[in-house]
């Protein structure tokens, strides 16, 4: 999932890998200043951590005016993940 918008901590674009249980299993956050943070079940880098509750449905996220979430393919997430890991 990719979600644009929001102003939390200067966050510009988060990417989340969501497991079958609805919980984030990997996440990449791209900040407005160009920094990348990432997290998985064992690591938190750059201030990024996994959510503690299941990710809501895209419709619920998009009902909030400040967000625009979309499902992405595995390739797009993999590129963001590799970029984040290479910078840590």
PDB file of N, CA and C in Angstrom:
ATOM      1  N   UNK A   1       0.841  -1.165   0.000  1.00  0.00           N
ATOM      2  CA  UNK A   1       0.000   0.000   0.000  1.00  0.00           C
ATOM      3  C   UNK A   1       0.888   1.231   0.000  1.00  0.00           C
ATOM      4  N   UNK A   2       0.474   2.246  -0.754  1.00  0.00           N
ATOM      5  CA  UNK A   2       1.154   3.545  -0.771  1.00  0.00           C
ATOM      6  C   UNK A   2       0.123   4.559  -0.330  1.00  0.00           C
ATOM      7  N   UNK A   3       0.542   5.502   0.492  1.00  0.00           N
ATOM      8  CA  UNK A   3      -0.388   6.502   1.001  1.00  0.00           C
ATOM      9  C   UNK A   3       0.274   7.865   0.953  1.00  0.00           C
ATOM     10  N   UNK A   4      -0.270   8.773   0.180  1.00  0.00           N
ATOM     11  CA  UNK A   4       0.273  10.126   0.084  1.00  0.00           C
ATOM     12  C   UNK A   4      -0.516  11.049   0.994  1.00  0.00           C
ATOM     13  N   UNK A   5       0.184  12.060   1.503  1.00  0.00           N
ATOM     14  CA  UNK A   5      -0.476  13.068   2.324  1.00  0.00           C
ATOM     15  C   UNK A   5      -0.104  12.935   3.768  1.00  0.00           C
ATOM     16  N   UNK A   6      -0.772  13.707   4.581  1.00  0.00           N
ATOM     17  CA  UNK A   6      -0.488  13.721   6.005  1.00  0.00           C
ATOM     18  C   UNK A   6       0.677  14.643   6.303  1.00  0.00           C
ATOM     19  N   UNK A   7       0.739  15.114   7.518  1.00  0.00           N
ATOM     20  CA  UNK A   7       1.805  16.028   7.887  1.00  0.00           C
ATOM     21  C   UNK A   7       2.547  15.550   9.125  1.00  0.00           C
ATOM     22  N   UNK A   8       2.359  14.312   9.497  1.00  0.00           N
ATOM     23  CA  UNK A   8       2.992  13.767  10.678  1.00  0.00           C
ATOM     24  C   UNK A   8       4.498  13.705  10.487  1.00  0.00           C
ATOM     25  N   UNK A   9       5.244  14.387  11.357  1.00  0.00           N
ATOM     26  CA  UNK A   9       6.716  14.343  11.358  1.00  0.00           C
ATOM     27  C   UNK A   9       7.299  14.664   9.984  1.00  0.00           C
ATOM     28  N   UNK A  10       6.659  15.472   9.175  1.00  0.00           N
ATOM     29  CA  UNK A  10       7.184  15.799   7.861  1.00  0.00           C
ATOM     30  C   UNK A  10       7.103  14.643   6.885  1.00  0.00           C
ATOM     31  N   UNK A  11       6.249  13.682   7.167  1.00  0.00           N
ATOM     32  CA  UNK A  11       6.114  12.497   6.326  1.00  0.00           C
ATOM     33  C   UNK A  11       5.451  12.860   5.012  1.00  0.00           C
ATOM     34  N   UNK A  12       6.040  12.402   3.932  1.00  0.00           N
ATOM     35  CA  UNK A  12       5.483  12.689   2.611  1.00  0.00           C
ATOM     36  C   UNK A  12       4.831  11.469   1.988  1.00  0.00           C
ATOM     37  N   UNK A  13       5.484  10.293   2.092  1.00  0.00           N
ATOM     38  CA  UNK A  13       4.959   9.129   1.385  1.00  0.00           C
ATOM     39  C   UNK A  13       5.328   7.835   2.107  1.00  0.00           C
ATOM     40  N   UNK A  14       4.377   7.208   2.777  1.00  0.00           N
ATOM     41  CA  UNK A  14       4.644   5.906   3.389  1.00  0.00           C
ATOM     42  C   UNK A  14       4.251   4.756   2.452  1.00  0.00           C
ATOM     43  N   UNK A  15       5.014   3.687   2.508  1.00  0.00           N
ATOM     44  CA  UNK A  15       4.711   2.439   1.810  1.00  0.00           C
ATOM     45  C   UNK A  15       4.595   1.370   2.892  1.00  0.00           C
ATOM     46  N   UNK A  16       3.587   0.524   2.832  1.00  0.00           N
ATOM     47  CA  UNK A  16       3.426  -0.518   3.838  1.00  0.00           C
ATOM     48  C   UNK A  16       3.199  -1.865   3.175  1.00  0.00           C
ATOM     49  N   UNK A  17       3.940  -2.860   3.647  1.00  0.00           N
ATOM     50  CA  UNK A  17       3.671  -4.242   3.290  1.00  0.00           C
ATOM     51  C   UNK A  17       2.746  -4.796   4.363  1.00  0.00           C
ATOM     52  N   UNK A  18       1.576  -5.258   3.977  1.00  0.00           N
ATOM     53  CA  UNK A  18       0.565  -5.703   4.926  1.00  0.00           C
ATOM     54  C   UNK A  18       0.377  -7.206   4.795  1.00  0.00           C
ATOM     55  N   UNK A  19       0.435  -7.909   5.924  1.00  0.00           N
ATOM     56  CA  UNK A  19       0.280  -9.357   5.930  1.00  0.00           C
ATOM     57  C   UNK A  19      -1.180  -9.777   5.833  1.00  0.00           C
ATOM     58  N   UNK A  20      -1.401 -11.072   5.703  1.00  0.00           N
ATOM     59  CA  UNK A  20      -2.747 -11.621   5.586  1.00  0.00           C
ATOM     60  C   UNK A  20      -3.608 -11.297   6.812  1.00  0.00           C
ATOM     61  N   UNK A  21      -2.956 -11.037   7.952  1.00  0.00           N
ATOM     62  CA  UNK A  21      -3.686 -10.705   9.178  1.00  0.00           C
ATOM     63  C   UNK A  21      -4.072  -9.227   9.262  1.00  0.00           C
ATOM     64  N   UNK A  22      -3.674  -8.427   8.252  1.00  0.00           N
ATOM     65  CA  UNK A  22      -4.018  -7.010   8.232  1.00  0.00           C
ATOM     66  C   UNK A  22      -3.005  -6.104   8.900  1.00  0.00           C
ATOM     67  N   UNK A  23      -1.987  -6.684   9.528  1.00  0.00           N
ATOM     68  CA  UNK A  23      -0.956  -5.892  10.195  1.00  0.00           C
ATOM     69  C   UNK A  23       0.202  -5.603   9.249  1.00  0.00           C
ATOM     70  N   UNK A  24       0.828  -4.435   9.432  1.00  0.00           N
ATOM     71  CA  UNK A  24       2.032  -4.116   8.668  1.00  0.00           C
ATOM     72  C   UNK A  24       3.129  -5.115   9.024  1.00  0.00           C
ATOM     73  N   UNK A  25       3.828  -5.612   8.024  1.00  0.00           N
ATOM     74  CA  UNK A  25       4.973  -6.487   8.274  1.00  0.00           C
ATOM     75  C   UNK A  25       6.275  -5.825   7.834  1.00  0.00           C
ATOM     76  N   UNK A  26       6.182  -4.861   6.925  1.00  0.00           N
ATOM     77  CA  UNK A  26       7.323  -4.032   6.514  1.00  0.00           C
ATOM     78  C   UNK A  26       6.778  -2.655   6.159  1.00  0.00           C
ATOM     79  N   UNK A  27       7.595  -1.638   6.388  1.00  0.00           N
ATOM     80  CA  UNK A  27       7.164  -0.284   6.065  1.00  0.00           C
ATOM     81  C   UNK A  27       8.365   0.549   5.646  1.00  0.00           C
ATOM     82  N   UNK A  28       8.153   1.411   4.665  1.00  0.00           N
ATOM     83  CA  UNK A  28       9.127   2.420   4.248  1.00  0.00           C
ATOM     84  C   UNK A  28       8.425   3.763   4.346  1.00  0.00           C
ATOM     85  N   UNK A  29       9.110   4.752   4.930  1.00  0.00           N
ATOM     86  CA  UNK A  29       8.564   6.102   4.989  1.00  0.00           C
ATOM     87  C   UNK A  29       9.550   7.053   4.323  1.00  0.00           C
ATOM     88  N   UNK A  30       9.059   7.797   3.351  1.00  0.00           N
ATOM     89  CA  UNK A  30       9.858   8.819   2.673  1.00  0.00           C
ATOM     90  C   UNK A  30       9.426  10.161   3.252  1.00  0.00           C
ATOM     91  N   UNK A  31      10.381  10.912   3.808  1.00  0.00           N
ATOM     92  CA  UNK A  31      10.086  12.177   4.437  1.00  0.00           C
ATOM     93  C   UNK A  31      10.308  13.328   3.460  1.00  0.00           C
ATOM     94  N   UNK A  32       9.672  14.451   3.744  1.00  0.00           N
ATOM     95  CA  UNK A  32       9.745  15.620   2.860  1.00  0.00           C
ATOM     96  C   UNK A  32      11.177  16.099   2.643  1.00  0.00           C
ATOM     97  N   UNK A  33      12.049  15.879   3.619  1.00  0.00           N
ATOM     98  CA  UNK A  33      13.445  16.315   3.474  1.00  0.00           C
ATOM     99  C   UNK A  33      14.313  15.294   2.733  1.00  0.00           C
ATOM    100  N   UNK A  34      13.689  14.225   2.220  1.00  0.00           N
ATOM    101  CA  UNK A  34      14.410  13.223   1.436  1.00  0.00           C
ATOM    102  C   UNK A  34      14.870  12.002   2.219  1.00  0.00           C
ATOM    103  N   UNK A  35      14.808  12.063   3.545  1.00  0.00           N
ATOM    104  CA  UNK A  35      15.208  10.901   4.358  1.00  0.00           C
ATOM    105  C   UNK A  35      14.253   9.735   4.143  1.00  0.00           C
ATOM    106  N   UNK A  36      14.780   8.532   4.330  1.00  0.00           N
ATOM    107  CA  UNK A  36      13.969   7.315   4.297  1.00  0.00           C
ATOM    108  C   UNK A  36      14.093   6.609   5.635  1.00  0.00           C
ATOM    109  N   UNK A  37      12.983   6.188   6.191  1.00  0.00           N
ATOM    110  CA  UNK A  37      12.978   5.337   7.368  1.00  0.00           C
ATOM    111  C   UNK A  37      12.367   4.008   6.976  1.00  0.00           C
ATOM    112  N   UNK A  38      12.682   2.967   7.724  1.00  0.00           N
ATOM    113  CA  UNK A  38      12.086   1.668   7.421  1.00  0.00           C
ATOM    114  C   UNK A  38      11.950   0.841   8.680  1.00  0.00           C
ATOM    115  N   UNK A  39      11.061  -0.127   8.618  1.00  0.00           N
ATOM    116  CA  UNK A  39      10.851  -1.028   9.744  1.00  0.00           C
ATOM    117  C   UNK A  39      10.386  -2.376   9.224  1.00  0.00           C
ATOM    118  N   UNK A  40      10.781  -3.402   9.968  1.00  0.00           N
ATOM    119  CA  UNK A  40      10.209  -4.734   9.775  1.00  0.00           C
ATOM    120  C   UNK A  40       9.949  -5.287  11.166  1.00  0.00           C
ATOM    121  N   UNK A  41       9.686  -6.561  11.270  1.00  0.00           N
ATOM    122  CA  UNK A  41       9.323  -7.124  12.570  1.00  0.00           C
ATOM    123  C   UNK A  41      10.472  -7.129  13.578  1.00  0.00           C
ATOM    124  N   UNK A  42      11.703  -6.883  13.116  1.00  0.00           N
ATOM    125  CA  UNK A  42      12.850  -6.888  14.024  1.00  0.00           C
ATOM    126  C   UNK A  42      13.626  -5.578  14.068  1.00  0.00           C
ATOM    127  N   UNK A  43      13.334  -4.640  13.166  1.00  0.00           N
ATOM    128  CA  UNK A  43      14.117  -3.410  13.061  1.00  0.00           C
ATOM    129  C   UNK A  43      13.223  -2.187  12.956  1.00  0.00           C
ATOM    130  N   UNK A  44      13.702  -1.076  13.513  1.00  0.00           N
ATOM    131  CA  UNK A  44      13.086   0.236  13.329  1.00  0.00           C
ATOM    132  C   UNK A  44      14.214   1.208  13.042  1.00  0.00           C
ATOM    133  N   UNK A  45      14.200   1.836  11.874  1.00  0.00           N
ATOM    134  CA  UNK A  45      15.288   2.699  11.434  1.00  0.00           C
ATOM    135  C   UNK A  45      14.723   4.059  11.024  1.00  0.00           C
ATOM    136  N   UNK A  46      15.393   5.109  11.452  1.00  0.00           N
ATOM    137  CA  UNK A  46      15.004   6.449  11.040  1.00  0.00           C
ATOM    138  C   UNK A  46      13.692   6.934  11.620  1.00  0.00           C
ATOM    139  N   UNK A  47      13.310   6.386  12.783  1.00  0.00           N
ATOM    140  CA  UNK A  47      12.068   6.798  13.416  1.00  0.00           C
ATOM    141  C   UNK A  47      10.825   6.106  12.902  1.00  0.00           C
ATOM    142  N   UNK A  48      10.988   5.136  12.027  1.00  0.00           N
ATOM    143  CA  UNK A  48       9.850   4.405  11.452  1.00  0.00           C
ATOM    144  C   UNK A  48       9.612   3.124  12.236  1.00  0.00           C
ATOM    145  N   UNK A  49       8.356   2.857  12.544  1.00  0.00           N
ATOM    146  CA  UNK A  49       7.969   1.626  13.215  1.00  0.00           C
ATOM    147  C   UNK A  49       6.707   1.071  12.586  1.00  0.00           C
ATOM    148  N   UNK A  50       6.449  -0.190  12.839  1.00  0.00           N
ATOM    149  CA  UNK A  50       5.229  -0.810  12.326  1.00  0.00           C
ATOM    150  C   UNK A  50       4.028  -0.376  13.161  1.00  0.00           C
ATOM    151  N   UNK A  51       2.866  -0.312  12.532  1.00  0.00           N
ATOM    152  CA  UNK A  51       1.645   0.014  13.246  1.00  0.00           C
ATOM    153  C   UNK A  51       1.296  -1.064  14.258  1.00  0.00           C
ATOM    154  N   UNK A  52       0.611  -0.668  15.316  1.00  0.00           N
ATOM    155  CA  UNK A  52       0.244  -1.607  16.378  1.00  0.00           C
ATOM    156  C   UNK A  52      -1.169  -2.159  16.219  1.00  0.00           C
ATOM    157  N   UNK A  53      -1.902  -1.654  15.236  1.00  0.00           N
ATOM    158  CA  UNK A  53      -3.261  -2.128  14.959  1.00  0.00           C
ATOM    159  C   UNK A  53      -3.341  -2.488  13.484  1.00  0.00           C
ATOM    160  N   UNK A  54      -4.304  -3.296  13.090  1.00  0.00           N
ATOM    161  CA  UNK A  54      -4.431  -3.642  11.666  1.00  0.00           C
ATOM    162  C   UNK A  54      -4.645  -2.397  10.803  1.00  0.00           C
ATOM    163  N   UNK A  55      -4.151  -2.453   9.582  1.00  0.00           N
ATOM    164  CA  UNK A  55      -4.334  -1.361   8.629  1.00  0.00           C
ATOM    165  C   UNK A  55      -5.803  -1.339   8.214  1.00  0.00           C
ATOM    166  N   UNK A  56      -6.442  -0.177   8.286  1.00  0.00           N
ATOM    167  CA  UNK A  56      -7.845  -0.128   7.871  1.00  0.00           C
ATOM    168  C   UNK A  56      -7.994  -0.323   6.368  1.00  0.00           C
ATOM    169  N   UNK A  57      -9.192  -0.630   5.897  1.00  0.00           N
ATOM    170  CA  UNK A  57      -9.421  -0.757   4.456  1.00  0.00           C
ATOM    171  C   UNK A  57      -9.081   0.561   3.746  1.00  0.00           C
ATOM    172  N   UNK A  58      -8.664   0.457   2.476  1.00  0.00           N
ATOM    173  CA  UNK A  58      -8.301   1.648   1.710  1.00  0.00           C
ATOM    174  C   UNK A  58      -9.429   2.670   1.687  1.00  0.00           C
ATOM    175  N   UNK A  59     -10.663   2.218   1.616  1.00  0.00           N
ATOM    176  CA  UNK A  59     -11.795   3.139   1.579  1.00  0.00           C
ATOM    177  C   UNK A  59     -11.845   3.994   2.842  1.00  0.00           C
ATOM    178  N   UNK A  60     -11.539   3.381   3.981  1.00  0.00           N
ATOM    179  CA  UNK A  60     -11.553   4.105   5.254  1.00  0.00           C
ATOM    180  C   UNK A  60     -10.408   5.119   5.311  1.00  0.00           C
ATOM    181  N   UNK A  61      -9.244   4.734   4.829  1.00  0.00           N
ATOM    182  CA  UNK A  61      -8.107   5.665   4.785  1.00  0.00           C
ATOM    183  C   UNK A  61      -8.434   6.835   3.875  1.00  0.00           C
ATOM    184  N   UNK A  62      -8.951   6.532   2.697  1.00  0.00           N
ATOM    185  CA  UNK A  62      -9.248   7.569   1.714  1.00  0.00           C
ATOM    186  C   UNK A  62     -10.416   8.461   2.100  1.00  0.00           C
ATOM    187  N   UNK A  63     -11.207   8.058   3.083  1.00  0.00           N
ATOM    188  CA  UNK A  63     -12.301   8.899   3.562  1.00  0.00           C
ATOM    189  C   UNK A  63     -11.767  10.114   4.334  1.00  0.00           C
ATOM    190  N   UNK A  64     -10.503  10.052   4.735  1.00  0.00           N
ATOM    191  CA  UNK A  64      -9.862  11.182   5.411  1.00  0.00           C
ATOM    192  C   UNK A  64      -9.267  12.098   4.348  1.00  0.00           C
ATOM    193  N   UNK A  65      -9.655  13.343   4.345  1.00  0.00           N
ATOM    194  CA  UNK A  65      -9.258  14.272   3.281  1.00  0.00           C
ATOM    195  C   UNK A  65      -7.756  14.383   3.093  1.00  0.00           C
ATOM    196  N   UNK A  66      -6.980  14.225   4.153  1.00  0.00           N
ATOM    197  CA  UNK A  66      -5.533  14.436   4.038  1.00  0.00           C
ATOM    198  C   UNK A  66      -4.776  13.248   3.454  1.00  0.00           C
ATOM    199  N   UNK A  67      -5.447  12.144   3.185  1.00  0.00           N
ATOM    200  CA  UNK A  67      -4.778  10.954   2.680  1.00  0.00           C
ATOM    201  C   UNK A  67      -5.311  10.522   1.319  1.00  0.00           C
ATOM    202  N   UNK A  68      -4.448   9.870   0.573  1.00  0.00           N
ATOM    203  CA  UNK A  68      -4.820   9.254  -0.693  1.00  0.00           C
ATOM    204  C   UNK A  68      -4.041   7.947  -0.798  1.00  0.00           C
ATOM    205  N   UNK A  69      -4.657   6.846  -0.421  1.00  0.00           N
ATOM    206  CA  UNK A  69      -3.991   5.548  -0.380  1.00  0.00           C
ATOM    207  C   UNK A  69      -4.350   4.724  -1.605  1.00  0.00           C
ATOM    208  N   UNK A  70      -3.414   3.878  -2.029  1.00  0.00           N
ATOM    209  CA  UNK A  70      -3.643   2.999  -3.173  1.00  0.00           C
ATOM    210  C   UNK A  70      -2.891   1.694  -2.969  1.00  0.00           C
ATOM    211  N   UNK A  71      -3.461   0.620  -3.482  1.00  0.00           N
ATOM    212  CA  UNK A  71      -2.783  -0.677  -3.483  1.00  0.00           C
ATOM    213  C   UNK A  71      -1.697  -0.614  -4.555  1.00  0.00           C
ATOM    214  N   UNK A  72      -0.515  -1.122  -4.239  1.00  0.00           N
ATOM    215  CA  UNK A  72       0.584  -1.154  -5.207  1.00  0.00           C
ATOM    216  C   UNK A  72       1.010  -2.588  -5.419  1.00  0.00           C
ATOM    217  N   UNK A  73       1.752  -2.829  -6.503  1.00  0.00           N
ATOM    218  CA  UNK A  73       2.224  -4.190  -6.741  1.00  0.00           C
ATOM    219  C   UNK A  73       3.508  -4.435  -5.955  1.00  0.00           C
ATOM    220  N   UNK A  74       3.866  -5.683  -5.848  1.00  0.00           N
ATOM    221  CA  UNK A  74       5.043  -6.076  -5.090  1.00  0.00           C
ATOM    222  C   UNK A  74       6.326  -5.461  -5.604  1.00  0.00           C
ATOM    223  N   UNK A  75       6.397  -5.233  -6.908  1.00  0.00           N
ATOM    224  CA  UNK A  75       7.600  -4.651  -7.497  1.00  0.00           C
ATOM    225  C   UNK A  75       7.839  -3.232  -7.022  1.00  0.00           C
ATOM    226  N   UNK A  76       6.778  -2.437  -6.946  1.00  0.00           N
ATOM    227  CA  UNK A  76       6.922  -1.054  -6.479  1.00  0.00           C
ATOM    228  C   UNK A  76       7.367  -1.026  -5.019  1.00  0.00           C
ATOM    229  N   UNK A  77       6.763  -1.901  -4.192  1.00  0.00           N
ATOM    230  CA  UNK A  77       7.186  -1.953  -2.791  1.00  0.00           C
ATOM    231  C   UNK A  77       8.626  -2.435  -2.688  1.00  0.00           C
ATOM    232  N   UNK A  78       8.989  -3.441  -3.461  1.00  0.00           N
ATOM    233  CA  UNK A  78      10.354  -3.981  -3.416  1.00  0.00           C
ATOM    234  C   UNK A  78      11.384  -2.904  -3.766  1.00  0.00           C
ATOM    235  N   UNK A  79      11.085  -2.054  -4.734  1.00  0.00           N
ATOM    236  CA  UNK A  79      12.010  -0.969  -5.098  1.00  0.00           C
ATOM    237  C   UNK A  79      12.174   0.016  -3.946  1.00  0.00           C
ATOM    238  N   UNK A  80      11.070   0.399  -3.310  1.00  0.00           N
ATOM    239  CA  UNK A  80      11.138   1.316  -2.169  1.00  0.00           C
ATOM    240  C   UNK A  80      11.902   0.677  -1.013  1.00  0.00           C
ATOM    241  N   UNK A  81      11.671  -0.612  -0.791  1.00  0.00           N
ATOM    242  CA  UNK A  81      12.340  -1.342   0.298  1.00  0.00           C
ATOM    243  C   UNK A  81      13.853  -1.390   0.053  1.00  0.00           C
ATOM    244  N   UNK A  82      14.247  -1.746  -1.164  1.00  0.00           N
ATOM    245  CA  UNK A  82      15.687  -1.799  -1.471  1.00  0.00           C
ATOM    246  C   UNK A  82      16.327  -0.427  -1.316  1.00  0.00           C
ATOM    247  N   UNK A  83      15.659   0.607  -1.778  1.00  0.00           N
ATOM    248  CA  UNK A  83      16.208   1.965  -1.660  1.00  0.00           C
ATOM    249  C   UNK A  83      16.398   2.341  -0.195  1.00  0.00           C
ATOM    250  N   UNK A  84      15.411   2.028   0.635  1.00  0.00           N
ATOM    251  CA  UNK A  84      15.504   2.361   2.070  1.00  0.00           C
ATOM    252  C   UNK A  84      16.641   1.582   2.738  1.00  0.00           C
ATOM    253  N   UNK A  85      16.741   0.290   2.449  1.00  0.00           N
ATOM    254  CA  UNK A  85      17.788  -0.506   3.070  1.00  0.00           C
ATOM    255  C   UNK A  85      19.178  -0.091   2.611  1.00  0.00           C
ATOM    256  N   UNK A  86      19.314   0.326   1.367  1.00  0.00           N
ATOM    257  CA  UNK A  86      20.637   0.709   0.872  1.00  0.00           C
ATOM    258  C   UNK A  86      21.110   2.012   1.496  1.00  0.00           C
ATOM    259  N   UNK A  87      20.181   2.822   2.022  1.00  0.00           N
ATOM    260  CA  UNK A  87      20.557   4.075   2.647  1.00  0.00           C
ATOM    261  C   UNK A  87      20.784   3.981   4.134  1.00  0.00           C
ATOM    262  N   UNK A  88      20.557   2.808   4.729  1.00  0.00           N
ATOM    263  CA  UNK A  88      20.697   2.699   6.190  1.00  0.00           C
ATOM    264  C   UNK A  88      22.065   2.229   6.601  1.00  0.00           C
TER     265      UNK A  88
END
